[in-house]
Each structure stands twice: as C-alpha cells, then as structure tokens.
N, C-alpha and C. Protein backbone atom coordinates (compact mmCIF):
# COMPACT_ATOMS: atom_id res chain seq x y z
N MET A 1 0.82 -1.39 -0.07
CA MET A 1 -0.08 0.22 0.08
C MET A 1 0.93 1.25 -0.08
N SER A 2 0.58 2.46 -0.73
CA SER A 2 1.51 3.23 -1.16
C SER A 2 0.69 4.31 -0.06
N TRP A 3 1.97 5.19 0.34
CA TRP A 3 1.78 6.29 1.40
C TRP A 3 1.00 7.32 0.83
N LEU A 4 0.42 7.27 -0.39
CA LEU A 4 -0.33 8.43 -0.66
C LEU A 4 -1.95 7.68 -0.70
N THR A 5 -2.26 6.36 -0.81
CA THR A 5 -3.33 5.78 -0.31
C THR A 5 -3.49 6.04 0.92
N ILE A 6 -2.55 5.80 1.79
CA ILE A 6 -2.94 5.91 3.31
C ILE A 6 -3.22 7.04 3.72
N PHE A 7 -2.65 8.30 2.90
CA PHE A 7 -3.10 9.55 3.59
C PHE A 7 -4.11 10.11 2.94
N VAL A 8 -4.79 9.32 1.69
CA VAL A 8 -6.20 9.74 1.42
C VAL A 8 -7.09 9.27 2.20
N ARG A 9 -6.82 7.68 2.54
CA ARG A 9 -7.96 7.08 3.34
C ARG A 9 -8.44 8.03 4.59
N VAL A 10 -7.15 8.00 5.54
CA VAL A 10 -7.39 8.94 6.98
C VAL A 10 -7.51 10.16 6.36
N THR A 11 -7.35 10.96 5.67
CA THR A 11 -8.10 11.86 5.54
C THR A 11 -9.38 12.21 5.17
N LEU A 12 -9.63 11.36 4.04
CA LEU A 12 -11.01 11.19 3.78
C LEU A 12 -11.72 10.74 4.83
N GLY A 13 -11.51 9.81 6.30
CA GLY A 13 -12.09 9.34 7.19
C GLY A 13 -12.28 10.81 8.19
N ALA A 14 -11.36 11.87 8.31
CA ALA A 14 -11.34 12.57 8.90
C ALA A 14 -12.25 13.77 8.68
N LEU A 15 -12.43 13.79 7.03
CA LEU A 15 -13.06 14.81 6.74
C LEU A 15 -14.64 14.62 6.72
N SER A 16 -14.61 13.59 6.69
CA SER A 16 -16.50 13.04 6.69
C SER A 16 -16.71 13.02 8.32
N GLY A 17 -15.90 12.22 8.85
CA GLY A 17 -16.00 12.42 10.40
C GLY A 17 -16.85 14.17 11.06
N MET A 18 -15.33 14.93 10.55
CA MET A 18 -16.00 16.44 10.59
C MET A 18 -17.15 16.86 10.08
N THR A 19 -17.45 16.59 8.99
CA THR A 19 -18.89 16.95 8.33
C THR A 19 -19.90 16.45 9.21
N MET A 20 -19.82 14.82 9.69
CA MET A 20 -20.64 14.25 10.14
C MET A 20 -20.63 15.22 11.72
N GLY A 21 -19.90 15.00 12.23
CA GLY A 21 -19.80 15.37 13.78
C GLY A 21 -20.07 17.25 13.81
N GLY A 22 -19.77 18.42 12.49
CA GLY A 22 -20.39 19.53 12.69
C GLY A 22 -21.96 19.56 12.21
N LEU A 23 -22.28 18.53 11.53
CA LEU A 23 -23.56 18.75 11.74
C LEU A 23 -24.35 18.44 12.80
N PHE A 24 -24.11 17.15 13.04
CA PHE A 24 -24.75 17.00 14.64
C PHE A 24 -24.85 17.89 15.69
N GLY A 25 -23.55 18.51 15.48
CA GLY A 25 -23.36 19.50 16.92
C GLY A 25 -24.20 20.51 16.30
N LEU A 26 -24.66 21.17 14.98
CA LEU A 26 -25.05 22.10 15.03
C LEU A 26 -26.53 21.86 15.09
N PHE A 27 -27.26 20.72 15.14
CA PHE A 27 -28.23 20.42 15.31
C PHE A 27 -28.57 20.26 16.80
N ALA A 28 -27.59 19.34 17.54
CA ALA A 28 -27.50 19.24 19.05
C ALA A 28 -27.44 21.23 19.25
N GLY A 29 -27.01 21.87 18.94
CA GLY A 29 -26.99 23.32 19.51
C GLY A 29 -28.25 23.84 19.18
N MET A 30 -28.62 23.73 18.05
CA MET A 30 -30.11 24.53 17.62
C MET A 30 -31.36 23.65 18.14
N VAL A 31 -31.44 22.42 19.12
CA VAL A 31 -32.56 21.89 19.70
C VAL A 31 -32.05 22.06 21.16
N THR A 32 -31.31 22.31 21.79
CA THR A 32 -30.84 22.57 23.10
C THR A 32 -29.61 23.14 23.53
N PRO A 33 -29.76 24.61 23.01
CA PRO A 33 -28.92 25.63 23.31
C PRO A 33 -28.51 25.56 25.03
N SER A 34 -29.17 25.64 25.74
CA SER A 34 -29.26 26.03 26.93
C SER A 34 -28.24 24.80 27.75
N PHE A 35 -27.86 23.89 26.89
CA PHE A 35 -27.08 22.62 27.47
C PHE A 35 -25.53 23.01 27.60
N PHE A 36 -25.39 23.93 26.03
CA PHE A 36 -24.11 23.87 26.07
C PHE A 36 -23.82 25.53 26.28
N ARG A 37 -24.87 26.64 27.24
CA ARG A 37 -24.53 27.29 27.88
C ARG A 37 -23.80 27.19 28.95
N HIS A 38 -23.90 25.87 29.57
CA HIS A 38 -23.02 25.86 30.82
C HIS A 38 -21.71 25.11 30.82
N PHE A 39 -21.09 24.95 29.55
CA PHE A 39 -19.74 24.79 29.12
C PHE A 39 -18.80 26.19 29.32
N ILE A 40 -19.74 27.24 28.70
CA ILE A 40 -19.17 28.52 28.31
C ILE A 40 -19.04 29.15 29.52
N PRO A 41 -17.71 29.42 29.73
CA PRO A 41 -17.84 30.52 31.43
C PRO A 41 -18.43 32.12 30.61
N TRP A 42 -17.94 32.50 29.27
CA TRP A 42 -18.49 33.89 29.47
C TRP A 42 -19.36 33.49 28.58
N ASN A 43 -19.79 34.57 28.35
CA ASN A 43 -21.40 34.88 27.66
C ASN A 43 -21.08 35.50 26.16
N ASP A 44 -20.21 35.86 25.57
CA ASP A 44 -20.02 36.78 24.22
C ASP A 44 -19.64 35.25 23.06
N VAL A 45 -20.02 33.65 23.34
CA VAL A 45 -19.75 33.10 22.99
C VAL A 45 -21.20 32.15 22.35
N GLU A 46 -21.51 32.33 21.22
CA GLU A 46 -22.63 31.47 20.78
C GLU A 46 -22.80 30.27 21.16
N PRO A 47 -23.28 29.43 21.84
CA PRO A 47 -23.69 28.14 22.17
C PRO A 47 -23.81 27.04 20.56
N VAL A 48 -24.53 27.27 20.03
CA VAL A 48 -24.55 26.89 18.59
C VAL A 48 -23.20 26.62 17.91
N GLY A 49 -22.67 27.84 18.03
CA GLY A 49 -21.00 27.93 17.34
C GLY A 49 -20.40 26.78 18.09
N PHE A 50 -20.64 27.14 19.76
CA PHE A 50 -19.75 26.19 20.44
C PHE A 50 -20.12 24.46 20.11
N ALA A 51 -21.40 24.45 19.95
CA ALA A 51 -21.71 22.70 19.81
C ALA A 51 -21.22 22.68 18.39
N VAL A 52 -21.31 23.36 17.73
CA VAL A 52 -20.59 22.80 15.88
C VAL A 52 -19.20 22.72 16.00
N VAL A 53 -18.39 23.08 16.94
CA VAL A 53 -16.93 23.40 17.24
C VAL A 53 -16.65 21.87 17.68
N LEU A 54 -17.39 21.55 18.79
CA LEU A 54 -17.10 20.27 19.77
C LEU A 54 -18.13 19.33 19.00
N GLY A 55 -18.84 19.21 17.95
CA GLY A 55 -19.14 18.08 16.99
C GLY A 55 -18.00 18.11 16.25
N ALA A 56 -17.47 19.10 15.55
CA ALA A 56 -16.42 19.11 14.61
C ALA A 56 -14.97 18.51 14.78
N THR A 57 -14.83 18.66 16.01
CA THR A 57 -13.70 17.91 16.76
C THR A 57 -13.59 16.80 17.32
N GLY A 58 -14.52 15.96 17.87
CA GLY A 58 -14.95 14.82 17.83
C GLY A 58 -14.72 13.98 16.70
N GLY A 59 -15.58 14.48 15.59
CA GLY A 59 -15.46 13.91 14.22
C GLY A 59 -14.46 13.70 13.72
N VAL A 60 -13.27 14.66 13.78
CA VAL A 60 -12.35 14.70 13.25
C VAL A 60 -11.55 13.57 13.54
N LEU A 61 -11.51 13.81 14.89
CA LEU A 61 -10.60 12.19 16.02
C LEU A 61 -11.36 10.94 15.65
N LEU A 62 -12.50 10.88 15.72
CA LEU A 62 -13.38 9.44 15.71
C LEU A 62 -13.35 9.19 14.00
N GLY A 63 -13.83 10.21 13.15
CA GLY A 63 -13.08 9.90 11.79
C GLY A 63 -11.89 9.24 10.93
N GLY A 64 -10.80 10.58 11.85
CA GLY A 64 -9.06 9.76 11.53
C GLY A 64 -9.23 8.45 12.39
N GLY A 65 -9.79 8.20 13.30
CA GLY A 65 -9.26 6.83 13.75
C GLY A 65 -9.74 5.60 13.03
N LEU A 66 -11.15 5.88 12.28
CA LEU A 66 -11.49 4.94 11.64
C LEU A 66 -10.65 5.00 10.54
N GLY A 67 -10.16 6.09 10.06
CA GLY A 67 -9.68 5.48 8.50
C GLY A 67 -8.12 5.06 8.95
N VAL A 68 -7.51 5.06 10.01
CA VAL A 68 -6.19 4.56 10.40
C VAL A 68 -6.79 3.07 10.62
N PHE A 69 -7.99 2.58 11.03
CA PHE A 69 -8.18 1.36 11.62
C PHE A 69 -8.31 0.95 9.90
N SER A 70 -8.94 1.36 8.94
CA SER A 70 -9.24 0.90 8.14
C SER A 70 -7.73 0.33 6.98
N VAL A 71 -6.64 1.42 7.43
CA VAL A 71 -5.36 1.16 6.70
C VAL A 71 -4.88 -0.36 7.42
N VAL A 72 -5.08 0.00 9.12
CA VAL A 72 -4.34 -1.53 9.50
C VAL A 72 -5.21 -2.47 8.96
N LEU A 73 -6.39 -2.53 9.44
CA LEU A 73 -7.12 -3.82 8.40
C LEU A 73 -6.72 -4.52 7.24
N SER A 74 -6.57 -3.44 6.58
CA SER A 74 -5.97 -3.93 5.21
C SER A 74 -5.04 -4.04 4.96
N GLY A 75 -4.11 -3.90 6.00
CA GLY A 75 -2.39 -4.46 5.85
C GLY A 75 -2.52 -5.68 6.11
N LEU A 76 -3.41 -6.02 7.44
CA LEU A 76 -3.24 -7.52 7.96
C LEU A 76 -4.30 -8.22 7.05
N LEU A 77 -4.60 -8.21 6.42
CA LEU A 77 -5.76 -9.08 5.30
C LEU A 77 -4.76 -8.92 4.02
N SER A 78 -4.24 -7.72 3.76
CA SER A 78 -2.61 -8.11 2.59
C SER A 78 -1.96 -9.24 2.90
N PHE A 79 -1.43 -8.95 4.14
CA PHE A 79 -0.32 -9.82 5.04
C PHE A 79 -0.84 -11.49 5.12
N ARG A 80 -2.18 -11.22 5.09
CA ARG A 80 -2.45 -12.61 5.42
C ARG A 80 -3.02 -13.34 4.20
N SER A 81 -3.07 -12.70 3.26
CA SER A 81 -3.58 -13.21 1.71
C SER A 81 -1.95 -13.29 1.54
N LYS A 82 -1.00 -12.88 1.54
CA LYS A 82 0.76 -13.32 1.21
C LYS A 82 1.13 -14.62 1.59
N ASN A 83 0.71 -14.05 2.51
CA ASN A 83 0.82 -15.53 3.66
C ASN A 83 0.34 -17.15 3.83
N ARG A 84 -0.72 -16.75 3.05
CA ARG A 84 -1.70 -17.76 2.69
C ARG A 84 -0.99 -18.12 1.50
N SER A 85 -1.25 -17.90 0.27
CA SER A 85 -0.32 -18.00 -0.68
C SER A 85 0.74 -19.04 -0.77
N SER A 86 1.50 -18.54 0.00
CA SER A 86 3.19 -19.24 0.02
C SER A 86 3.08 -20.04 0.83
N LEU A 87 1.80 -20.22 1.39
CA LEU A 87 2.28 -21.54 2.19
C LEU A 87 1.46 -22.62 1.31
N ASP A 88 0.22 -21.93 0.66
CA ASP A 88 0.04 -23.04 -0.49
C ASP A 88 0.66 -23.62 -1.47
N ALA A 89 1.77 -22.27 -1.89
CA ALA A 89 2.45 -22.83 -2.91
C ALA A 89 3.59 -23.68 -2.51
N ALA A 90 3.83 -23.65 -1.20
CA ALA A 90 4.88 -24.60 -0.75
C ALA A 90 4.37 -25.70 -0.49
N SER A 91 3.04 -26.24 -0.23
CA SER A 91 2.63 -27.49 0.36
C SER A 91 2.34 -28.34 -0.74
N PRO A 92 2.87 -29.72 -0.74
CA PRO A 92 2.68 -30.81 -1.70
C PRO A 92 0.62 -30.89 -2.00
N PRO A 93 0.47 -31.08 -3.37
CA PRO A 93 -0.75 -31.68 -3.91
C PRO A 93 -1.23 -32.81 -2.91
N VAL A 94 -2.35 -32.76 -2.52
CA VAL A 94 -3.04 -33.47 -1.82
C VAL A 94 -3.88 -34.63 -2.68
N ASP A 95 -3.87 -35.94 -3.00
CA ASP A 95 -4.92 -36.74 -3.96
C ASP A 95 -5.63 -37.22 -3.06
N ARG A 96 -7.22 -37.19 -3.57
CA ARG A 96 -8.20 -37.47 -2.68
C ARG A 96 -8.91 -38.68 -3.54
C-alpha cells in the first residue's frame, strides 16, 4: 500500500467525520442551546457555534481513527493473503 493511499484514506475519514460531527453539533446546538451554555464561562460566545466546534473536533478524531483502522485492517488482510498463498504454493498437492 502506497503512502498516498494511506494519506487519502485517513484524510477522507477525518473530513467525513468532521462533516458529520459538525452537522450533529449544529442540530444539537439548535435543539438544546441551554445545555451548551453551561460549558461556556463567558457570555459572548454563541452556544450553537460551540456545539458545532465540539462536534467537528470529535468527528475529526473519530473519523481519522476509523481511517487508521481501515489502513491497519487492510494491511493485515494483505499480509494474511500473501502468507496464505506462499503456504499453498509450498505444500504438496493432496490426492483424494
């Protein structure tokens, strides 16, 4: 697997996570803005914006982690298939 493929997978995972997390934060901030006012000690920050930033940050972390997981899983499956094919080539044929 090339470095460009790894970079693209993790980046797309993080960007999709940011998008979904930001949208979730937007809807959560619009539904319950009073919940997010408790996290902000100052009053000049909008609670909906804070919810969007929190959701997008969590989405980047989780989406990037999912991208890394896909790269690791793909590497393990590739290693396993190469190992299995070398074992099949080395073993003698079985007559039945």
